[in-house]
Amino acid sequence: MTDRDRELASNALDALDRLYDRDTRAVDVWALVEATADAVTPGQLADALRKAAIQLREVLSAGLSADEQYGPALDVTDELRHLLADVWSTTAAADAAERQARARR
């Protein structure tokens, strides 16, 4: 995974956290997830982002109010949230190890 992909994944995770905290709307998360799916390197991450974007679009087109979209939006992004959290924790561990190695030099 490239550094750019890691940064994009981190941004997407932040958006999902804001959705969970009700600091953003499902439509905003859909737009970011859709754009991120287009921007990352093709593969598992892109596929997971695209799947979540499709499912979010279905939630948005169901005729629900913004408040009613909240629960379904969380449901359809849960798998993505776990994947992004794994990417972030793996990246954070690698970054910490690299900083420690540099500090020892």
Protein backbone atom coordinates (compact mmCIF):
# COMPACT_ATOMS: atom_id res chain seq x y z
CA MET A 1 0.00 0.00 0.00
CA THR A 2 1.35 3.40 -0.92
CA ASP A 3 1.75 6.32 1.47
CA ARG A 4 -0.96 8.12 -0.49
CA ASP A 5 -3.33 5.17 -0.06
CA ARG A 6 -2.62 5.15 3.69
CA GLU A 7 -3.38 8.86 3.92
CA LEU A 8 -6.60 8.44 1.95
CA ALA A 9 -7.60 5.49 4.15
CA SER A 10 -6.95 7.59 7.25
CA ASN A 11 -9.13 10.39 5.87
CA ALA A 12 -11.93 7.92 5.15
CA LEU A 13 -11.67 6.50 8.68
CA ASP A 14 -11.92 10.04 10.07
CA ALA A 15 -15.08 10.57 8.01
CA LEU A 16 -16.60 7.36 9.38
CA ASP A 17 -15.72 8.47 12.90
CA ARG A 18 -17.46 11.80 12.27
CA LEU A 19 -20.51 9.91 11.01
CA TYR A 20 -20.52 7.77 14.14
CA ASP A 21 -20.30 10.91 16.29
CA ARG A 22 -23.11 12.49 14.23
CA ASP A 23 -20.76 15.30 13.21
CA THR A 24 -21.44 14.68 9.51
CA ARG A 25 -24.23 13.34 7.35
CA ALA A 26 -24.43 10.11 5.36
CA VAL A 27 -24.37 12.03 2.08
CA ASP A 28 -21.06 13.65 2.99
CA VAL A 29 -19.52 10.31 3.90
CA TRP A 30 -20.84 8.78 0.68
CA ALA A 31 -19.16 11.54 -1.37
CA LEU A 32 -15.83 11.06 0.40
CA VAL A 33 -15.96 7.24 0.21
CA GLU A 34 -16.87 7.37 -3.49
CA ALA A 35 -14.02 9.77 -4.26
CA THR A 36 -11.57 7.76 -2.16
CA ALA A 37 -12.52 4.55 -3.98
CA ASP A 38 -11.61 6.29 -7.25
CA ALA A 39 -8.34 7.67 -5.85
CA VAL A 40 -6.73 4.64 -4.19
CA THR A 41 -4.76 1.93 -5.91
CA PRO A 42 -7.04 -0.84 -7.25
CA GLY A 43 -7.29 -3.76 -4.84
CA GLN A 44 -8.96 -4.82 -1.59
CA LEU A 45 -9.20 -1.31 -0.16
CA ALA A 46 -10.67 0.13 -3.36
CA ASP A 47 -13.16 -2.73 -3.56
CA ALA A 48 -14.27 -2.25 0.05
CA LEU A 49 -14.65 1.49 -0.47
CA ARG A 50 -16.64 0.98 -3.66
CA LYS A 51 -18.93 -1.56 -1.97
CA ALA A 52 -19.60 0.85 0.91
CA ALA A 53 -20.22 3.72 -1.54
CA ILE A 54 -22.81 1.65 -3.40
CA GLN A 55 -24.53 0.67 -0.18
CA LEU A 56 -24.49 4.27 1.08
CA ARG A 57 -26.03 5.42 -2.22
CA GLU A 58 -28.84 2.90 -1.64
CA VAL A 59 -29.42 4.33 1.85
CA LEU A 60 -29.48 7.85 0.42
CA SER A 61 -31.98 6.94 -2.29
CA ALA A 62 -34.36 5.16 0.10
CA GLY A 63 -36.28 8.36 0.84
CA LEU A 64 -35.24 8.54 4.48
CA SER A 65 -34.62 11.76 6.37
CA ALA A 66 -31.04 12.57 7.35
CA ASP A 67 -31.77 11.35 10.88
CA GLU A 68 -33.28 8.11 9.58
CA GLN A 69 -30.22 7.52 7.37
CA TYR A 70 -27.90 7.46 10.39
CA GLY A 71 -28.45 3.85 11.53
CA PRO A 72 -28.44 2.26 8.08
CA ALA A 73 -25.36 4.30 7.11
CA LEU A 74 -23.52 2.98 10.15
CA ASP A 75 -24.60 -0.57 9.33
CA VAL A 76 -23.36 -0.47 5.73
CA THR A 77 -20.02 1.13 6.66
CA ASP A 78 -19.20 -1.12 9.61
CA GLU A 79 -17.10 -3.59 7.60
CA LEU A 80 -15.25 -0.72 5.95
CA ARG A 81 -14.62 0.90 9.34
CA HIS A 82 -12.94 -2.29 10.58
CA LEU A 83 -10.80 -2.59 7.45
CA LEU A 84 -9.71 1.05 7.67
CA ALA A 85 -8.96 0.70 11.37
CA ASP A 86 -6.75 -2.30 10.57
CA VAL A 87 -4.95 -0.29 7.88
CA TRP A 88 -4.47 2.59 10.30
CA SER A 89 -3.19 0.40 13.16
CA THR A 90 -0.79 -1.43 10.86
CA THR A 91 0.46 1.87 9.49
CA ALA A 92 0.75 3.43 12.94
CA ALA A 93 2.77 0.45 14.20
CA ALA A 94 5.11 0.60 11.22
CA ASP A 95 5.56 4.36 11.62
CA ALA A 96 6.32 3.97 15.33
CA ALA A 97 8.88 1.25 14.63
CA GLU A 98 10.54 3.42 11.98
CA ARG A 99 10.72 6.40 14.37
CA GLN A 100 12.26 4.21 17.07
CA ALA A 101 14.84 2.84 14.64
CA ARG A 102 15.80 6.36 13.56
CA ALA A 103 16.05 7.49 17.18
CA ARG A 104 18.51 4.67 17.93
CA ARG A 105 20.84 5.70 15.11
